Amino acid sequence: MEVSRLKYLCYRCYICGRLLTRREIQKRWEASENGGLQDASICPCGSKRLAPSNATLREELTLPRVWVLWATDVVWPWVKGKFA
């Protein structure tokens, strides 16, 4: 099982208000650690400051990255625990 450095599933950027999922942030960190990124910003707007947040209903229904987050981090672990 993969251990995450992040406590929450979703975060918001302080500057632009964009919803960032745990998976997006982890991918950004991995790219930064491997030398793929020159800057240390987390959000595409250039901000390094985030706050925990919930996705709005509109975001949950329209953003595929939120669908992937729910499927891989919420539903799949529940199914594995229930039927394993």
PDB file of N, CA and C in Angstrom:
ATOM      1  N   MET A   1       0.842  -1.174   0.000  1.00  0.00           N
ATOM      2  CA  MET A   1       0.000   0.000   0.000  1.00  0.00           C
ATOM      3  C   MET A   1       0.887   1.237   0.000  1.00  0.00           C
ATOM      4  N   GLU A   2       0.520   2.199  -0.802  1.00  0.00           N
ATOM      5  CA  GLU A   2       1.285   3.436  -0.929  1.00  0.00           C
ATOM      6  C   GLU A   2       0.974   4.377   0.235  1.00  0.00           C
ATOM      7  N   VAL A   3       2.011   4.902   0.869  1.00  0.00           N
ATOM      8  CA  VAL A   3       1.843   5.829   1.972  1.00  0.00           C
ATOM      9  C   VAL A   3       1.986   7.244   1.427  1.00  0.00           C
ATOM     10  N   SER A   4       1.038   8.090   1.747  1.00  0.00           N
ATOM     11  CA  SER A   4       1.037   9.457   1.241  1.00  0.00           C
ATOM     12  C   SER A   4       1.612  10.420   2.280  1.00  0.00           C
ATOM     13  N   ARG A   5       2.297  11.433   1.784  1.00  0.00           N
ATOM     14  CA  ARG A   5       2.791  12.486   2.673  1.00  0.00           C
ATOM     15  C   ARG A   5       1.709  13.516   2.953  1.00  0.00           C
ATOM     16  N   LEU A   6       0.594  13.418   2.259  1.00  0.00           N
ATOM     17  CA  LEU A   6      -0.501  14.366   2.397  1.00  0.00           C
ATOM     18  C   LEU A   6      -1.632  13.764   3.213  1.00  0.00           C
ATOM     19  N   LYS A   7      -2.209  14.570   4.082  1.00  0.00           N
ATOM     20  CA  LYS A   7      -3.261  14.095   4.968  1.00  0.00           C
ATOM     21  C   LYS A   7      -4.641  14.131   4.311  1.00  0.00           C
ATOM     22  N   TYR A   8      -4.882  15.114   3.446  1.00  0.00           N
ATOM     23  CA  TYR A   8      -6.207  15.315   2.868  1.00  0.00           C
ATOM     24  C   TYR A   8      -6.236  14.933   1.393  1.00  0.00           C
ATOM     25  N   LEU A   9      -7.430  14.702   0.854  1.00  0.00           N
ATOM     26  CA  LEU A   9      -7.588  14.326  -0.545  1.00  0.00           C
ATOM     27  C   LEU A   9      -7.505  15.523  -1.486  1.00  0.00           C
ATOM     28  N   CYS A  10      -8.042  16.661  -1.070  1.00  0.00           N
ATOM     29  CA  CYS A  10      -8.092  17.845  -1.934  1.00  0.00           C
ATOM     30  C   CYS A  10      -7.536  19.069  -1.217  1.00  0.00           C
ATOM     31  N   TYR A  11      -6.920  19.922  -1.995  1.00  0.00           N
ATOM     32  CA  TYR A  11      -6.361  21.173  -1.502  1.00  0.00           C
ATOM     33  C   TYR A  11      -6.753  22.294  -2.466  1.00  0.00           C
ATOM     34  N   ARG A  12      -6.697  23.533  -1.995  1.00  0.00           N
ATOM     35  CA  ARG A  12      -6.947  24.708  -2.831  1.00  0.00           C
ATOM     36  C   ARG A  12      -5.748  25.639  -2.771  1.00  0.00           C
ATOM     37  N   CYS A  13      -5.479  26.238  -3.917  1.00  0.00           N
ATOM     38  CA  CYS A  13      -4.421  27.232  -4.014  1.00  0.00           C
ATOM     39  C   CYS A  13      -4.896  28.526  -3.358  1.00  0.00           C
ATOM     40  N   TYR A  14      -4.016  29.177  -2.599  1.00  0.00           N
ATOM     41  CA  TYR A  14      -4.364  30.441  -1.953  1.00  0.00           C
ATOM     42  C   TYR A  14      -4.529  31.568  -2.963  1.00  0.00           C
ATOM     43  N   ILE A  15      -3.791  31.528  -4.061  1.00  0.00           N
ATOM     44  CA  ILE A  15      -3.809  32.638  -5.015  1.00  0.00           C
ATOM     45  C   ILE A  15      -4.969  32.529  -5.996  1.00  0.00           C
ATOM     46  N   CYS A  16      -5.073  31.411  -6.705  1.00  0.00           N
ATOM     47  CA  CYS A  16      -6.076  31.305  -7.774  1.00  0.00           C
ATOM     48  C   CYS A  16      -7.320  30.517  -7.366  1.00  0.00           C
ATOM     49  N   GLY A  17      -7.283  29.772  -6.277  1.00  0.00           N
ATOM     50  CA  GLY A  17      -8.439  29.013  -5.827  1.00  0.00           C
ATOM     51  C   GLY A  17      -8.639  27.690  -6.549  1.00  0.00           C
ATOM     52  N   ARG A  18      -7.665  27.261  -7.350  1.00  0.00           N
ATOM     53  CA  ARG A  18      -7.775  26.010  -8.100  1.00  0.00           C
ATOM     54  C   ARG A  18      -7.778  24.817  -7.155  1.00  0.00           C
ATOM     55  N   LEU A  19      -8.610  23.835  -7.468  1.00  0.00           N
ATOM     56  CA  LEU A  19      -8.658  22.596  -6.704  1.00  0.00           C
ATOM     57  C   LEU A  19      -7.517  21.702  -7.166  1.00  0.00           C
ATOM     58  N   LEU A  20      -6.707  21.235  -6.239  1.00  0.00           N
ATOM     59  CA  LEU A  20      -5.605  20.322  -6.531  1.00  0.00           C
ATOM     60  C   LEU A  20      -5.841  19.042  -5.742  1.00  0.00           C
ATOM     61  N   THR A  21      -5.729  17.922  -6.415  1.00  0.00           N
ATOM     62  CA  THR A  21      -5.917  16.639  -5.744  1.00  0.00           C
ATOM     63  C   THR A  21      -4.582  16.148  -5.182  1.00  0.00           C
ATOM     64  N   ARG A  22      -4.688  15.224  -4.268  1.00  0.00           N
ATOM     65  CA  ARG A  22      -3.497  14.633  -3.657  1.00  0.00           C
ATOM     66  C   ARG A  22      -2.577  14.038  -4.718  1.00  0.00           C
ATOM     67  N   ARG A  23      -3.166  13.385  -5.709  1.00  0.00           N
ATOM     68  CA  ARG A  23      -2.380  12.747  -6.760  1.00  0.00           C
ATOM     69  C   ARG A  23      -1.626  13.766  -7.605  1.00  0.00           C
ATOM     70  N   GLU A  24      -2.245  14.905  -7.916  1.00  0.00           N
ATOM     71  CA  GLU A  24      -1.579  15.956  -8.688  1.00  0.00           C
ATOM     72  C   GLU A  24      -0.369  16.504  -7.931  1.00  0.00           C
ATOM     73  N   ILE A  25      -0.548  16.735  -6.652  1.00  0.00           N
ATOM     74  CA  ILE A  25       0.529  17.288  -5.834  1.00  0.00           C
ATOM     75  C   ILE A  25       1.681  16.291  -5.729  1.00  0.00           C
ATOM     76  N   GLN A  26       1.360  15.013  -5.527  1.00  0.00           N
ATOM     77  CA  GLN A  26       2.408  14.002  -5.436  1.00  0.00           C
ATOM     78  C   GLN A  26       3.181  13.891  -6.742  1.00  0.00           C
ATOM     79  N   LYS A  27       2.495  13.939  -7.886  1.00  0.00           N
ATOM     80  CA  LYS A  27       3.178  13.894  -9.176  1.00  0.00           C
ATOM     81  C   LYS A  27       4.083  15.104  -9.359  1.00  0.00           C
ATOM     82  N   ARG A  28       3.614  16.264  -8.917  1.00  0.00           N
ATOM     83  CA  ARG A  28       4.420  17.485  -9.021  1.00  0.00           C
ATOM     84  C   ARG A  28       5.674  17.364  -8.149  1.00  0.00           C
ATOM     85  N   TRP A  29       5.519  16.832  -6.936  1.00  0.00           N
ATOM     86  CA  TRP A  29       6.673  16.646  -6.051  1.00  0.00           C
ATOM     87  C   TRP A  29       7.666  15.656  -6.641  1.00  0.00           C
ATOM     88  N   GLU A  30       7.171  14.546  -7.186  1.00  0.00           N
ATOM     89  CA  GLU A  30       8.059  13.543  -7.785  1.00  0.00           C
ATOM     90  C   GLU A  30       8.831  14.131  -8.960  1.00  0.00           C
ATOM     91  N   ALA A  31       8.160  14.918  -9.792  1.00  0.00           N
ATOM     92  CA  ALA A  31       8.840  15.557 -10.919  1.00  0.00           C
ATOM     93  C   ALA A  31       9.891  16.540 -10.427  1.00  0.00           C
ATOM     94  N   SER A  32       9.593  17.249  -9.363  1.00  0.00           N
ATOM     95  CA  SER A  32      10.544  18.206  -8.795  1.00  0.00           C
ATOM     96  C   SER A  32      11.750  17.492  -8.186  1.00  0.00           C
ATOM     97  N   GLU A  33      11.502  16.387  -7.484  1.00  0.00           N
ATOM     98  CA  GLU A  33      12.586  15.633  -6.858  1.00  0.00           C
ATOM     99  C   GLU A  33      13.491  14.972  -7.883  1.00  0.00           C
ATOM    100  N   ASN A  34      12.930  14.576  -9.023  1.00  0.00           N
ATOM    101  CA  ASN A  34      13.702  13.915 -10.075  1.00  0.00           C
ATOM    102  C   ASN A  34      14.386  14.908 -11.009  1.00  0.00           C
ATOM    103  N   GLY A  35      14.264  16.183 -10.724  1.00  0.00           N
ATOM    104  CA  GLY A  35      14.931  17.192 -11.546  1.00  0.00           C
ATOM    105  C   GLY A  35      14.163  17.580 -12.789  1.00  0.00           C
ATOM    106  N   GLY A  36      12.898  17.180 -12.890  1.00  0.00           N
ATOM    107  CA  GLY A  36      12.107  17.503 -14.058  1.00  0.00           C
ATOM    108  C   GLY A  36      11.552  18.914 -14.047  1.00  0.00           C
ATOM    109  N   LEU A  37      11.496  19.540 -12.882  1.00  0.00           N
ATOM    110  CA  LEU A  37      10.976  20.902 -12.762  1.00  0.00           C
ATOM    111  C   LEU A  37      12.032  21.804 -12.165  1.00  0.00           C
ATOM    112  N   GLN A  38      12.105  23.007 -12.670  1.00  0.00           N
ATOM    113  CA  GLN A  38      13.081  23.962 -12.159  1.00  0.00           C
ATOM    114  C   GLN A  38      12.549  24.737 -10.952  1.00  0.00           C
ATOM    115  N   ASP A  39      11.250  25.036 -10.951  1.00  0.00           N
ATOM    116  CA  ASP A  39      10.680  25.790  -9.831  1.00  0.00           C
ATOM    117  C   ASP A  39      10.054  24.835  -8.815  1.00  0.00           C
ATOM    118  N   ALA A  40       9.790  25.356  -7.644  1.00  0.00           N
ATOM    119  CA  ALA A  40       9.225  24.522  -6.582  1.00  0.00           C
ATOM    120  C   ALA A  40       7.737  24.794  -6.388  1.00  0.00           C
ATOM    121  N   SER A  41       7.091  25.437  -7.357  1.00  0.00           N
ATOM    122  CA  SER A  41       5.673  25.744  -7.200  1.00  0.00           C
ATOM    123  C   SER A  41       4.843  24.466  -7.319  1.00  0.00           C
ATOM    124  N   ILE A  42       3.725  24.472  -6.651  1.00  0.00           N
ATOM    125  CA  ILE A  42       2.849  23.312  -6.655  1.00  0.00           C
ATOM    126  C   ILE A  42       1.689  23.530  -7.619  1.00  0.00           C
ATOM    127  N   CYS A  43       1.111  24.709  -7.604  1.00  0.00           N
ATOM    128  CA  CYS A  43      -0.019  25.046  -8.475  1.00  0.00           C
ATOM    129  C   CYS A  43       0.498  25.562  -9.818  1.00  0.00           C
ATOM    130  N   PRO A  44      -0.225  25.317 -10.898  1.00  0.00           N
ATOM    131  CA  PRO A  44       0.185  25.854 -12.203  1.00  0.00           C
ATOM    132  C   PRO A  44       0.288  27.381 -12.244  1.00  0.00           C
ATOM    133  N   CYS A  45      -0.378  28.078 -11.320  1.00  0.00           N
ATOM    134  CA  CYS A  45      -0.292  29.541 -11.303  1.00  0.00           C
ATOM    135  C   CYS A  45       1.034  30.018 -10.711  1.00  0.00           C
ATOM    136  N   GLY A  46       1.807  29.127 -10.100  1.00  0.00           N
ATOM    137  CA  GLY A  46       3.095  29.480  -9.529  1.00  0.00           C
ATOM    138  C   GLY A  46       3.107  29.559  -8.017  1.00  0.00           C
ATOM    139  N   SER A  47       1.972  29.343  -7.400  1.00  0.00           N
ATOM    140  CA  SER A  47       1.870  29.423  -5.950  1.00  0.00           C
ATOM    141  C   SER A  47       2.466  28.193  -5.282  1.00  0.00           C
ATOM    142  N   LYS A  48       2.997  28.392  -4.094  1.00  0.00           N
ATOM    143  CA  LYS A  48       3.527  27.301  -3.284  1.00  0.00           C
ATOM    144  C   LYS A  48       2.682  27.087  -2.033  1.00  0.00           C
ATOM    145  N   ARG A  49       1.596  27.832  -1.911  1.00  0.00           N
ATOM    146  CA  ARG A  49       0.806  27.810  -0.695  1.00  0.00           C
ATOM    147  C   ARG A  49      -0.565  27.176  -0.957  1.00  0.00           C
ATOM    148  N   LEU A  50      -0.900  26.155  -0.171  1.00  0.00           N
ATOM    149  CA  LEU A  50      -2.155  25.423  -0.317  1.00  0.00           C
ATOM    150  C   LEU A  50      -2.871  25.325   1.020  1.00  0.00           C
ATOM    151  N   ALA A  51      -4.173  25.079   0.938  1.00  0.00           N
ATOM    152  CA  ALA A  51      -4.973  24.850   2.133  1.00  0.00           C
ATOM    153  C   ALA A  51      -5.884  23.652   1.882  1.00  0.00           C
ATOM    154  N   PRO A  52      -6.136  22.818   2.882  1.00  0.00           N
ATOM    155  CA  PRO A  52      -7.063  21.702   2.711  1.00  0.00           C
ATOM    156  C   PRO A  52      -8.445  22.217   2.329  1.00  0.00           C
ATOM    157  N   SER A  53      -9.139  21.458   1.490  1.00  0.00           N
ATOM    158  CA  SER A  53     -10.441  21.892   1.012  1.00  0.00           C
ATOM    159  C   SER A  53     -11.264  20.689   0.587  1.00  0.00           C
ATOM    160  N   ASN A  54     -12.545  20.920   0.404  1.00  0.00           N
ATOM    161  CA  ASN A  54     -13.435  19.926  -0.172  1.00  0.00           C
ATOM    162  C   ASN A  54     -13.747  20.338  -1.602  1.00  0.00           C
ATOM    163  N   ALA A  55     -13.986  19.363  -2.440  1.00  0.00           N
ATOM    164  CA  ALA A  55     -14.411  19.658  -3.799  1.00  0.00           C
ATOM    165  C   ALA A  55     -15.889  20.037  -3.778  1.00  0.00           C
ATOM    166  N   THR A  56     -16.247  21.040  -4.574  1.00  0.00           N
ATOM    167  CA  THR A  56     -17.658  21.401  -4.684  1.00  0.00           C
ATOM    168  C   THR A  56     -18.366  20.361  -5.542  1.00  0.00           C
ATOM    169  N   LEU A  57     -19.679  20.355  -5.505  1.00  0.00           N
ATOM    170  CA  LEU A  57     -20.438  19.401  -6.295  1.00  0.00           C
ATOM    171  C   LEU A  57     -20.134  19.574  -7.781  1.00  0.00           C
ATOM    172  N   ARG A  58     -20.018  20.810  -8.236  1.00  0.00           N
ATOM    173  CA  ARG A  58     -19.703  21.069  -9.641  1.00  0.00           C
ATOM    174  C   ARG A  58     -18.356  20.473 -10.009  1.00  0.00           C
ATOM    175  N   GLU A  59     -17.370  20.631  -9.145  1.00  0.00           N
ATOM    176  CA  GLU A  59     -16.041  20.071  -9.407  1.00  0.00           C
ATOM    177  C   GLU A  59     -16.061  18.549  -9.390  1.00  0.00           C
ATOM    178  N   GLU A  60     -16.821  17.973  -8.483  1.00  0.00           N
ATOM    179  CA  GLU A  60     -16.906  16.513  -8.408  1.00  0.00           C
ATOM    180  C   GLU A  60     -17.547  15.919  -9.656  1.00  0.00           C
ATOM    181  N   LEU A  61     -18.486  16.629 -10.247  1.00  0.00           N
ATOM    182  CA  LEU A  61     -19.188  16.114 -11.423  1.00  0.00           C
ATOM    183  C   LEU A  61     -18.459  16.396 -12.734  1.00  0.00           C
ATOM    184  N   THR A  62     -17.679  17.468 -12.803  1.00  0.00           N
ATOM    185  CA  THR A  62     -17.118  17.883 -14.096  1.00  0.00           C
ATOM    186  C   THR A  62     -15.620  17.663 -14.260  1.00  0.00           C
ATOM    187  N   LEU A  63     -14.886  17.431 -13.200  1.00  0.00           N
ATOM    188  CA  LEU A  63     -13.432  17.303 -13.314  1.00  0.00           C
ATOM    189  C   LEU A  63     -13.004  15.834 -13.287  1.00  0.00           C
ATOM    190  N   PRO A  64     -12.467  15.318 -14.391  1.00  0.00           N
ATOM    191  CA  PRO A  64     -12.018  13.927 -14.411  1.00  0.00           C
ATOM    192  C   PRO A  64     -10.939  13.624 -13.378  1.00  0.00           C
ATOM    193  N   ARG A  65     -10.100  14.595 -13.032  1.00  0.00           N
ATOM    194  CA  ARG A  65      -9.061  14.331 -12.030  1.00  0.00           C
ATOM    195  C   ARG A  65      -9.670  14.035 -10.654  1.00  0.00           C
ATOM    196  N   VAL A  66     -10.853  14.586 -10.384  1.00  0.00           N
ATOM    197  CA  VAL A  66     -11.555  14.284  -9.128  1.00  0.00           C
ATOM    198  C   VAL A  66     -12.162  12.885  -9.211  1.00  0.00           C
ATOM    199  N   TRP A  67     -12.645  12.485 -10.381  1.00  0.00           N
ATOM    200  CA  TRP A  67     -13.168  11.133 -10.562  1.00  0.00           C
ATOM    201  C   TRP A  67     -12.086  10.104 -10.292  1.00  0.00           C
ATOM    202  N   VAL A  68     -10.897  10.351 -10.837  1.00  0.00           N
ATOM    203  CA  VAL A  68      -9.774   9.424 -10.640  1.00  0.00           C
ATOM    204  C   VAL A  68      -9.408   9.354  -9.161  1.00  0.00           C
ATOM    205  N   LEU A  69      -9.385  10.497  -8.501  1.00  0.00           N
ATOM    206  CA  LEU A  69      -9.074  10.539  -7.072  1.00  0.00           C
ATOM    207  C   LEU A  69     -10.072   9.695  -6.283  1.00  0.00           C
ATOM    208  N   TRP A  70     -11.359   9.884  -6.527  1.00  0.00           N
ATOM    209  CA  TRP A  70     -12.378   9.115  -5.813  1.00  0.00           C
ATOM    210  C   TRP A  70     -12.254   7.626  -6.098  1.00  0.00           C
ATOM    211  N   ALA A  71     -12.025   7.292  -7.364  1.00  0.00           N
ATOM    212  CA  ALA A  71     -11.947   5.873  -7.732  1.00  0.00           C
ATOM    213  C   ALA A  71     -10.743   5.195  -7.091  1.00  0.00           C
ATOM    214  N   THR A  72      -9.580   5.829  -7.126  1.00  0.00           N
ATOM    215  CA  THR A  72      -8.357   5.188  -6.651  1.00  0.00           C
ATOM    216  C   THR A  72      -8.114   5.332  -5.157  1.00  0.00           C
ATOM    217  N   ASP A  73      -8.553   6.423  -4.558  1.00  0.00           N
ATOM    218  CA  ASP A  73      -8.245   6.659  -3.145  1.00  0.00           C
ATOM    219  C   ASP A  73      -9.416   6.444  -2.190  1.00  0.00           C
ATOM    220  N   VAL A  74     -10.628   6.321  -2.712  1.00  0.00           N
ATOM    221  CA  VAL A  74     -11.788   6.129  -1.844  1.00  0.00           C
ATOM    222  C   VAL A  74     -12.500   4.808  -2.161  1.00  0.00           C
ATOM    223  N   VAL A  75     -12.952   4.661  -3.385  1.00  0.00           N
ATOM    224  CA  VAL A  75     -13.769   3.496  -3.743  1.00  0.00           C
ATOM    225  C   VAL A  75     -12.944   2.212  -3.776  1.00  0.00           C
ATOM    226  N   TRP A  76     -11.817   2.223  -4.462  1.00  0.00           N
ATOM    227  CA  TRP A  76     -11.019   0.996  -4.596  1.00  0.00           C
ATOM    228  C   TRP A  76     -10.529   0.455  -3.246  1.00  0.00           C
ATOM    229  N   PRO A  77      -9.979   1.282  -2.340  1.00  0.00           N
ATOM    230  CA  PRO A  77      -9.602   0.743  -1.027  1.00  0.00           C
ATOM    231  C   PRO A  77     -10.804   0.180  -0.249  1.00  0.00           C
ATOM    232  N   TRP A  78     -11.971   0.806  -0.384  1.00  0.00           N
ATOM    233  CA  TRP A  78     -13.159   0.299   0.289  1.00  0.00           C
ATOM    234  C   TRP A  78     -13.545  -1.075  -0.254  1.00  0.00           C
ATOM    235  N   VAL A  79     -13.518  -1.214  -1.584  1.00  0.00           N
ATOM    236  CA  VAL A  79     -13.867  -2.486  -2.216  1.00  0.00           C
ATOM    237  C   VAL A  79     -12.858  -3.568  -1.800  1.00  0.00           C
ATOM    238  N   LYS A  80     -11.576  -3.240  -1.807  1.00  0.00           N
ATOM    239  CA  LYS A  80     -10.563  -4.211  -1.397  1.00  0.00           C
ATOM    240  C   LYS A  80     -10.757  -4.633   0.053  1.00  0.00           C
ATOM    241  N   GLY A  81     -11.074  -3.690   0.923  1.00  0.00           N
ATOM    242  CA  GLY A  81     -11.280  -4.021   2.321  1.00  0.00           C
ATOM    243  C   GLY A  81     -12.556  -4.809   2.565  1.00  0.00           C
ATOM    244  N   LYS A  82     -13.560  -4.553   1.772  1.00  0.00           N
ATOM    245  CA  LYS A  82     -14.846  -5.205   1.955  1.00  0.00           C
ATOM    246  C   LYS A  82     -14.841  -6.648   1.437  1.00  0.00           C
ATOM    247  N   PHE A  83     -14.143  -6.882   0.322  1.00  0.00           N
ATOM    248  CA  PHE A  83     -14.201  -8.185  -0.319  1.00  0.00           C
ATOM    249  C   PHE A  83     -12.886  -8.954  -0.291  1.00  0.00           C
ATOM    250  N   ALA A  84     -11.897  -8.456   0.406  1.00  0.00           N
ATOM    251  CA  ALA A  84     -10.604  -9.155   0.450  1.00  0.00           C
ATOM    252  C   ALA A  84     -10.538 -10.149   1.573  1.00  0.00           C
TER     253      ALA A  84
END
